[in-house]
Amino acid sequence: MKNLVFLFIAAVSAVMGFLFLQPVCAGGLVVRDEAQCRATAGFDATFCRDAFGRATEIARGSGPSYSQRNDCDAQWPACVEHAGGWGPKPSAWCLVRDGAGMAKRIEPQYDRRG
């Protein structure tokens, strides 16, 4: 019975370790802004303009939402208007390009306060 408990703990630890070691932006790159995007190998000006043209709208619906700005400011370094109130301002973006050169995935990345 003891061995079964240790085996269970080891299995859970292995799964948690595997998940922890996964890349933040699988299949793409993390960039802070459009200028850094254009400077990144494999991303051209058209791709970056398209991705960051959609970024503001994506940010409004992504991440946590707070009804009061003070609640948001207590948790995040910068807050912006968000769907339903206030939300954190993305500090970077995960950009994944598809085979046709368009943005396949655009995901905001956040830095927490403290």
Protein backbone atom coordinates (compact mmCIF):
# COMPACT_ATOMS: atom_id res chain seq x y z
CA MET A 1 0.00 0.00 0.00
CA LYS A 2 2.87 2.39 0.83
CA ASN A 3 4.39 1.76 -2.57
CA LEU A 4 1.10 2.64 -4.25
CA VAL A 5 0.96 5.98 -2.43
CA PHE A 6 4.56 6.77 -3.39
CA LEU A 7 3.87 5.74 -6.98
CA PHE A 8 0.84 8.05 -7.09
CA ILE A 9 2.85 10.98 -5.67
CA ALA A 10 5.66 10.34 -8.16
CA ALA A 11 3.19 10.22 -11.08
CA VAL A 12 1.53 13.49 -10.06
CA SER A 13 4.95 15.10 -9.61
CA ALA A 14 6.06 13.93 -13.05
CA VAL A 15 2.94 15.37 -14.71
CA MET A 16 3.34 18.68 -12.88
CA GLY A 17 7.03 18.85 -13.84
CA PHE A 18 6.20 18.12 -17.48
CA LEU A 19 3.58 20.88 -17.56
CA PHE A 20 5.92 23.34 -15.81
CA LEU A 21 8.66 22.78 -18.39
CA GLN A 22 6.45 23.43 -21.43
CA PRO A 23 7.33 26.53 -23.46
CA VAL A 24 5.24 29.65 -22.89
CA CYS A 25 4.57 30.10 -26.59
CA ALA A 26 4.65 26.70 -28.27
CA GLY A 27 5.27 27.00 -32.00
CA GLY A 28 5.79 30.76 -31.94
CA LEU A 29 7.70 33.62 -30.37
CA VAL A 30 6.98 36.12 -27.60
CA VAL A 31 7.42 39.78 -28.59
CA ARG A 32 6.73 42.94 -26.58
CA ASP A 33 5.59 45.27 -29.37
CA GLU A 34 5.31 45.72 -33.13
CA ALA A 35 8.87 47.06 -33.45
CA GLN A 36 10.32 43.96 -31.77
CA CYS A 37 8.07 41.83 -33.97
CA ARG A 38 9.49 43.39 -37.15
CA ALA A 39 13.04 42.89 -35.86
CA THR A 40 12.39 39.18 -35.26
CA ALA A 41 13.61 36.76 -37.92
CA GLY A 42 10.71 35.16 -39.77
CA PHE A 43 8.23 37.96 -39.07
CA ASP A 44 7.79 40.69 -41.69
CA ALA A 45 6.17 44.14 -41.48
CA THR A 46 2.86 42.95 -43.00
CA PHE A 47 2.53 40.08 -40.54
CA CYS A 48 3.35 42.31 -37.56
CA ARG A 49 0.97 45.07 -38.67
CA ASP A 50 -1.85 42.53 -39.05
CA ALA A 51 -1.12 40.85 -35.70
CA PHE A 52 -0.86 44.08 -33.70
CA GLY A 53 -3.88 45.53 -35.51
CA ARG A 54 -5.94 42.76 -33.91
CA ALA A 55 -4.09 42.77 -30.59
CA THR A 56 -6.11 45.55 -28.91
CA GLU A 57 -9.41 43.79 -29.55
CA ILE A 58 -8.00 40.45 -28.35
CA ALA A 59 -6.69 42.08 -25.15
CA ARG A 60 -10.15 43.45 -24.30
CA GLY A 61 -11.60 39.97 -24.08
CA SER A 62 -8.61 38.10 -22.63
CA GLY A 63 -7.35 37.73 -19.11
CA PRO A 64 -9.16 38.45 -15.86
CA SER A 65 -11.71 41.23 -15.56
CA TYR A 66 -12.33 43.48 -12.56
CA SER A 67 -15.31 45.76 -11.98
CA GLN A 68 -13.18 48.37 -10.16
CA ARG A 69 -9.90 49.76 -11.47
CA ASN A 70 -8.42 49.72 -7.95
CA ASP A 71 -8.87 45.93 -7.78
CA CYS A 72 -7.03 45.55 -11.09
CA ASP A 73 -4.24 47.96 -10.09
CA ALA A 74 -3.63 45.97 -6.90
CA GLN A 75 -2.81 42.82 -8.90
CA TRP A 76 -1.29 44.06 -12.18
CA PRO A 77 1.32 46.68 -13.13
CA ALA A 78 -0.90 48.35 -15.77
CA CYS A 79 -4.65 48.14 -16.37
CA VAL A 80 -6.82 49.08 -19.35
CA GLU A 81 -10.52 49.10 -20.13
CA HIS A 82 -11.70 45.55 -20.54
CA ALA A 83 -14.91 43.77 -21.43
CA GLY A 84 -17.01 44.20 -18.32
CA GLY A 85 -14.71 46.62 -16.50
CA TRP A 86 -10.92 46.69 -16.16
CA GLY A 87 -8.25 44.15 -17.02
CA PRO A 88 -4.47 43.84 -17.12
CA LYS A 89 -2.56 45.36 -20.03
CA PRO A 90 -0.56 42.66 -21.84
CA SER A 91 3.19 43.06 -21.41
CA ALA A 92 3.99 40.85 -24.43
CA TRP A 93 2.32 38.78 -27.13
CA CYS A 94 2.73 35.17 -28.22
CA LEU A 95 2.61 35.18 -32.02
CA VAL A 96 2.31 31.98 -34.03
CA ARG A 97 2.50 32.15 -37.82
CA ASP A 98 0.69 29.70 -40.09
CA GLY A 99 1.98 28.30 -43.40
CA ALA A 100 0.38 31.12 -45.39
CA GLY A 101 2.22 33.80 -43.41
CA MET A 102 -0.80 34.95 -41.40
CA ALA A 103 -1.21 35.04 -37.63
CA LYS A 104 -2.49 31.64 -36.58
CA ARG A 105 -2.55 32.49 -32.87
CA ILE A 106 -2.21 35.77 -30.96
CA GLU A 107 -2.14 35.36 -27.18
CA PRO A 108 -1.51 38.10 -24.63
CA GLN A 109 1.14 37.48 -21.97
CA TYR A 110 0.88 39.22 -18.58
CA ASP A 111 3.35 40.27 -15.86
CA ARG A 112 1.95 40.20 -12.34
CA ARG A 113 2.74 42.86 -9.79
CA GLY A 114 5.23 41.76 -7.14
